[in-house]
Amino acid sequence: MTTKRDQELKRNRLVFYERDVERLDAEIDAFLELSKARCVLLVDRDGHLVTRRGEPMKTSQETISALVAGSFAATMEMARLLGESEFSILFHQGKRDSIQLQLIGDRTLMACLFDGRTNLGMVRFYAQETGERIDRILEEISSEDRDGGLDKDFGSDAESALDKLF
């Protein structure tokens, strides 16, 4: 029996298979080639890294992913306080490096790191197109039945087995 909690979890969390990540990576690789950005992280709104492409990072990808999600959450609250439904793109400029954060769909963020090899206009232009393609992939993933071939009672059966074990 599928519980309400199971249904909510399934609705809020995407399950990615290897072929899904390969499709996302292909879109990001094309973006990196066209935009000349250094690196892209695809992060869910909870701060979990979905995939990363491009140049290696000097710091923890998990830490950056969590900070990207936190920064975006703070900006969403600022937008709400200012009467906006959302700010869908954020930009931070440093002396050497810059980062653009872009909301894709309603639960994924694309963080594009770039430097002087390109400019904000190129990153924004290609990120918009890439974001739309990634959104379509994510919509396909979320619309698929992704129970992994497990019996519908697997969750409750596993819980019962664990209860008996402990």
C-alpha atoms as a PDB file:
ATOM      1  CA  MET A   1       0.000   0.000   0.000  1.00  0.00           C
ATOM      2  CA  THR A   2       1.422   3.371  -1.033  1.00  0.00           C
ATOM      3  CA  THR A   3       1.256   5.878   1.791  1.00  0.00           C
ATOM      4  CA  LYS A   4       0.597   9.595   1.482  1.00  0.00           C
ATOM      5  CA  ARG A   5       4.209  10.191   2.568  1.00  0.00           C
ATOM      6  CA  ASP A   6       5.488   7.908  -0.229  1.00  0.00           C
ATOM      7  CA  GLN A   7       3.381   9.755  -2.796  1.00  0.00           C
ATOM      8  CA  GLU A   8       4.624  13.144  -1.585  1.00  0.00           C
ATOM      9  CA  LEU A   9       8.239  11.981  -1.621  1.00  0.00           C
ATOM     10  CA  LYS A  10       7.836  10.629  -5.159  1.00  0.00           C
ATOM     11  CA  ARG A  11       6.329  13.949  -6.299  1.00  0.00           C
ATOM     12  CA  ASN A  12       9.058  16.063  -4.666  1.00  0.00           C
ATOM     13  CA  ARG A  13      12.142  13.961  -5.463  1.00  0.00           C
ATOM     14  CA  LEU A  14      13.273  12.991  -8.896  1.00  0.00           C
ATOM     15  CA  VAL A  15      14.942   9.646  -9.459  1.00  0.00           C
ATOM     16  CA  PHE A  16      17.802   9.851 -11.949  1.00  0.00           C
ATOM     17  CA  TYR A  17      19.041   6.879 -13.886  1.00  0.00           C
ATOM     18  CA  GLU A  18      22.362   6.807 -15.690  1.00  0.00           C
ATOM     19  CA  ARG A  19      20.722   7.555 -19.049  1.00  0.00           C
ATOM     20  CA  ASP A  20      19.043  10.645 -17.527  1.00  0.00           C
ATOM     21  CA  VAL A  21      22.328  12.043 -16.260  1.00  0.00           C
ATOM     22  CA  GLU A  22      23.944  11.321 -19.633  1.00  0.00           C
ATOM     23  CA  ARG A  23      21.234  13.388 -21.370  1.00  0.00           C
ATOM     24  CA  LEU A  24      21.665  16.242 -18.881  1.00  0.00           C
ATOM     25  CA  ASP A  25      25.456  16.076 -19.220  1.00  0.00           C
ATOM     26  CA  ALA A  26      25.203  16.267 -23.025  1.00  0.00           C
ATOM     27  CA  GLU A  27      23.145  19.470 -22.800  1.00  0.00           C
ATOM     28  CA  ILE A  28      25.557  20.990 -20.298  1.00  0.00           C
ATOM     29  CA  ASP A  29      28.604  19.987 -22.367  1.00  0.00           C
ATOM     30  CA  ALA A  30      27.094  21.721 -25.416  1.00  0.00           C
ATOM     31  CA  PHE A  31      26.433  24.816 -23.289  1.00  0.00           C
ATOM     32  CA  LEU A  32      30.027  24.864 -22.023  1.00  0.00           C
ATOM     33  CA  GLU A  33      31.373  24.590 -25.566  1.00  0.00           C
ATOM     34  CA  LEU A  34      29.214  27.437 -26.877  1.00  0.00           C
ATOM     35  CA  SER A  35      29.395  29.798 -23.906  1.00  0.00           C
ATOM     36  CA  LYS A  36      33.044  29.196 -22.963  1.00  0.00           C
ATOM     37  CA  ALA A  37      31.986  28.994 -19.297  1.00  0.00           C
ATOM     38  CA  ARG A  38      34.288  27.046 -16.981  1.00  0.00           C
ATOM     39  CA  CYS A  39      31.916  24.800 -15.105  1.00  0.00           C
ATOM     40  CA  VAL A  40      28.221  24.050 -14.546  1.00  0.00           C
ATOM     41  CA  LEU A  41      26.568  22.492 -11.537  1.00  0.00           C
ATOM     42  CA  LEU A  42      22.994  21.266 -11.751  1.00  0.00           C
ATOM     43  CA  VAL A  43      21.572  21.357  -8.228  1.00  0.00           C
ATOM     44  CA  ASP A  44      18.146  20.635  -6.787  1.00  0.00           C
ATOM     45  CA  ARG A  45      16.536  23.320  -4.617  1.00  0.00           C
ATOM     46  CA  ASP A  46      17.472  21.368  -1.488  1.00  0.00           C
ATOM     47  CA  GLY A  47      21.158  21.746  -2.380  1.00  0.00           C
ATOM     48  CA  HIS A  48      21.836  18.226  -3.682  1.00  0.00           C
ATOM     49  CA  LEU A  49      24.185  18.012  -6.645  1.00  0.00           C
ATOM     50  CA  VAL A  50      22.582  16.318  -9.657  1.00  0.00           C
ATOM     51  CA  THR A  51      25.585  16.594 -11.984  1.00  0.00           C
ATOM     52  CA  ARG A  52      28.667  18.725 -12.613  1.00  0.00           C
ATOM     53  CA  ARG A  53      30.477  19.285 -15.879  1.00  0.00           C
ATOM     54  CA  GLY A  54      33.458  21.321 -16.997  1.00  0.00           C
ATOM     55  CA  GLU A  55      36.706  22.196 -15.285  1.00  0.00           C
ATOM     56  CA  PRO A  56      37.482  20.673 -11.887  1.00  0.00           C
ATOM     57  CA  MET A  57      36.554  22.768  -8.884  1.00  0.00           C
ATOM     58  CA  LYS A  58      39.058  23.740  -6.207  1.00  0.00           C
ATOM     59  CA  THR A  59      36.475  23.388  -3.452  1.00  0.00           C
ATOM     60  CA  SER A  60      33.835  20.890  -2.383  1.00  0.00           C
ATOM     61  CA  GLN A  61      31.063  20.484  -4.951  1.00  0.00           C
ATOM     62  CA  GLU A  62      28.665  19.541  -2.162  1.00  0.00           C
ATOM     63  CA  THR A  63      29.425  22.737  -0.245  1.00  0.00           C
ATOM     64  CA  ILE A  64      28.989  24.898  -3.339  1.00  0.00           C
ATOM     65  CA  SER A  65      25.730  23.081  -4.173  1.00  0.00           C
ATOM     66  CA  ALA A  66      24.336  23.749  -0.698  1.00  0.00           C
ATOM     67  CA  LEU A  67      25.391  27.405  -0.857  1.00  0.00           C
ATOM     68  CA  VAL A  68      23.836  27.813  -4.329  1.00  0.00           C
ATOM     69  CA  ALA A  69      20.517  26.499  -3.009  1.00  0.00           C
ATOM     70  CA  GLY A  70      20.743  28.672   0.112  1.00  0.00           C
ATOM     71  CA  SER A  71      21.552  31.785  -1.888  1.00  0.00           C
ATOM     72  CA  PHE A  72      18.659  31.126  -4.204  1.00  0.00           C
ATOM     73  CA  ALA A  73      16.265  30.498  -1.306  1.00  0.00           C
ATOM     74  CA  ALA A  74      17.273  33.809   0.305  1.00  0.00           C
ATOM     75  CA  THR A  75      16.750  35.617  -2.988  1.00  0.00           C
ATOM     76  CA  MET A  76      13.323  34.021  -3.433  1.00  0.00           C
ATOM     77  CA  GLU A  77      12.305  35.395  -0.033  1.00  0.00           C
ATOM     78  CA  MET A  78      13.635  38.829  -1.002  1.00  0.00           C
ATOM     79  CA  ALA A  79      11.584  38.679  -4.215  1.00  0.00           C
ATOM     80  CA  ARG A  80       8.490  37.763  -2.216  1.00  0.00           C
ATOM     81  CA  LEU A  81       9.033  40.690   0.161  1.00  0.00           C
ATOM     82  CA  LEU A  82       9.366  43.031  -2.837  1.00  0.00           C
ATOM     83  CA  GLY A  83       6.140  41.743  -4.362  1.00  0.00           C
ATOM     84  CA  GLU A  84       7.740  39.603  -7.075  1.00  0.00           C
ATOM     85  CA  SER A  85       6.780  35.980  -7.578  1.00  0.00           C
ATOM     86  CA  GLU A  86      10.462  35.107  -8.072  1.00  0.00           C
ATOM     87  CA  PHE A  87      13.832  36.250  -9.319  1.00  0.00           C
ATOM     88  CA  SER A  88      14.721  33.461 -11.730  1.00  0.00           C
ATOM     89  CA  ILE A  89      18.319  34.495 -12.480  1.00  0.00           C
ATOM     90  CA  LEU A  90      21.025  35.682 -10.077  1.00  0.00           C
ATOM     91  CA  PHE A  91      24.451  36.968 -10.983  1.00  0.00           C
ATOM     92  CA  HIS A  92      27.514  37.400  -8.753  1.00  0.00           C
ATOM     93  CA  GLN A  93      30.628  39.048 -10.161  1.00  0.00           C
ATOM     94  CA  GLY A  94      34.086  38.707  -8.673  1.00  0.00           C
ATOM     95  CA  LYS A  95      37.474  40.038  -9.725  1.00  0.00           C
ATOM     96  CA  ARG A  96      38.367  36.829 -11.576  1.00  0.00           C
ATOM     97  CA  ASP A  97      35.331  34.598 -11.528  1.00  0.00           C
ATOM     98  CA  SER A  98      31.600  35.117 -11.813  1.00  0.00           C
ATOM     99  CA  ILE A  99      28.602  32.872 -11.298  1.00  0.00           C
ATOM    100  CA  GLN A 100      25.122  32.917 -12.726  1.00  0.00           C
ATOM    101  CA  LEU A 101      22.380  30.992 -10.930  1.00  0.00           C
ATOM    102  CA  GLN A 102      19.303  30.155 -12.953  1.00  0.00           C
ATOM    103  CA  LEU A 103      16.086  28.476 -11.912  1.00  0.00           C
ATOM    104  CA  ILE A 104      15.102  25.651 -14.241  1.00  0.00           C
ATOM    105  CA  GLY A 105      11.526  24.510 -13.834  1.00  0.00           C
ATOM    106  CA  ASP A 106      10.391  24.723 -10.264  1.00  0.00           C
ATOM    107  CA  ARG A 107      12.984  22.607  -8.459  1.00  0.00           C
ATOM    108  CA  THR A 108      16.355  22.726 -10.208  1.00  0.00           C
ATOM    109  CA  LEU A 109      19.120  25.331 -10.317  1.00  0.00           C
ATOM    110  CA  MET A 110      21.873  25.674 -12.890  1.00  0.00           C
ATOM    111  CA  ALA A 111      25.020  27.338 -11.563  1.00  0.00           C
ATOM    112  CA  CYS A 112      27.357  28.547 -14.344  1.00  0.00           C
ATOM    113  CA  LEU A 113      30.878  29.536 -13.300  1.00  0.00           C
ATOM    114  CA  PHE A 114      32.797  31.645 -15.777  1.00  0.00           C
ATOM    115  CA  ASP A 115      35.761  33.994 -16.061  1.00  0.00           C
ATOM    116  CA  GLY A 116      37.260  36.466 -18.539  1.00  0.00           C
ATOM    117  CA  ARG A 117      37.310  33.922 -21.385  1.00  0.00           C
ATOM    118  CA  THR A 118      33.648  34.788 -21.986  1.00  0.00           C
ATOM    119  CA  ASN A 119      31.135  37.420 -20.969  1.00  0.00           C
ATOM    120  CA  LEU A 120      27.812  37.595 -19.189  1.00  0.00           C
ATOM    121  CA  GLY A 121      25.893  38.124 -22.443  1.00  0.00           C
ATOM    122  CA  MET A 122      27.138  34.866 -23.955  1.00  0.00           C
ATOM    123  CA  VAL A 123      26.502  32.944 -20.747  1.00  0.00           C
ATOM    124  CA  ARG A 124      22.964  34.334 -20.407  1.00  0.00           C
ATOM    125  CA  PHE A 125      22.092  33.714 -24.058  1.00  0.00           C
ATOM    126  CA  TYR A 126      23.208  30.092 -24.129  1.00  0.00           C
ATOM    127  CA  ALA A 127      22.041  29.389 -20.555  1.00  0.00           C
ATOM    128  CA  GLN A 128      18.490  30.366 -21.487  1.00  0.00           C
ATOM    129  CA  GLU A 129      18.377  27.863 -24.357  1.00  0.00           C
ATOM    130  CA  THR A 130      20.091  25.165 -22.320  1.00  0.00           C
ATOM    131  CA  GLY A 131      17.765  25.748 -19.388  1.00  0.00           C
ATOM    132  CA  GLU A 132      14.741  25.190 -21.623  1.00  0.00           C
ATOM    133  CA  ARG A 133      16.173  21.915 -22.959  1.00  0.00           C
ATOM    134  CA  ILE A 134      17.093  20.709 -19.477  1.00  0.00           C
ATOM    135  CA  ASP A 135      13.616  21.621 -18.238  1.00  0.00           C
ATOM    136  CA  ARG A 136      12.077  19.421 -20.950  1.00  0.00           C
ATOM    137  CA  ILE A 137      14.310  16.517 -19.895  1.00  0.00           C
ATOM    138  CA  LEU A 138      13.375  17.013 -16.237  1.00  0.00           C
ATOM    139  CA  GLU A 139       9.676  17.127 -17.137  1.00  0.00           C
ATOM    140  CA  GLU A 140      10.036  13.827 -19.010  1.00  0.00           C
ATOM    141  CA  ILE A 141      11.790  12.294 -16.011  1.00  0.00           C
ATOM    142  CA  SER A 142       9.146  13.502 -13.562  1.00  0.00           C
ATOM    143  CA  SER A 143       6.292  12.231 -15.735  1.00  0.00           C
ATOM    144  CA  GLU A 144       7.682   8.689 -15.977  1.00  0.00           C
ATOM    145  CA  ASP A 145       6.654   5.976 -13.553  1.00  0.00           C
ATOM    146  CA  ARG A 146       9.917   5.418 -11.703  1.00  0.00           C
ATOM    147  CA  ASP A 147       9.331   2.710  -9.167  1.00  0.00           C
ATOM    148  CA  GLY A 148      12.312   0.766 -10.494  1.00  0.00           C
ATOM    149  CA  GLY A 149      10.176  -2.296 -11.084  1.00  0.00           C
ATOM    150  CA  LEU A 150       9.603  -2.796  -7.352  1.00  0.00           C
ATOM    151  CA  ASP A 151       6.375  -4.277  -6.118  1.00  0.00           C
ATOM    152  CA  LYS A 152       3.919  -1.625  -4.921  1.00  0.00           C
ATOM    153  CA  ASP A 153       4.112  -3.067  -1.386  1.00  0.00           C
ATOM    154  CA  PHE A 154       7.929  -3.073  -1.281  1.00  0.00           C
ATOM    155  CA  GLY A 155       8.169  -0.090   1.097  1.00  0.00           C
ATOM    156  CA  SER A 156       5.793  -1.495   3.698  1.00  0.00           C
ATOM    157  CA  ASP A 157       7.259  -5.011   3.319  1.00  0.00           C
ATOM    158  CA  ALA A 158      10.776  -3.667   3.843  1.00  0.00           C
ATOM    159  CA  GLU A 159       9.643  -1.668   6.870  1.00  0.00           C
ATOM    160  CA  SER A 160       8.021  -4.786   8.383  1.00  0.00           C
ATOM    161  CA  ALA A 161      11.175  -6.829   7.755  1.00  0.00           C
ATOM    162  CA  LEU A 162      13.317  -4.179   9.466  1.00  0.00           C
ATOM    163  CA  ASP A 163      10.921  -4.046  12.421  1.00  0.00           C
ATOM    164  CA  LYS A 164      11.223  -7.822  12.839  1.00  0.00           C
ATOM    165  CA  LEU A 165      15.005  -7.649  12.549  1.00  0.00           C
ATOM    166  CA  PHE A 166      15.388  -5.022  15.244  1.00  0.00           C
END
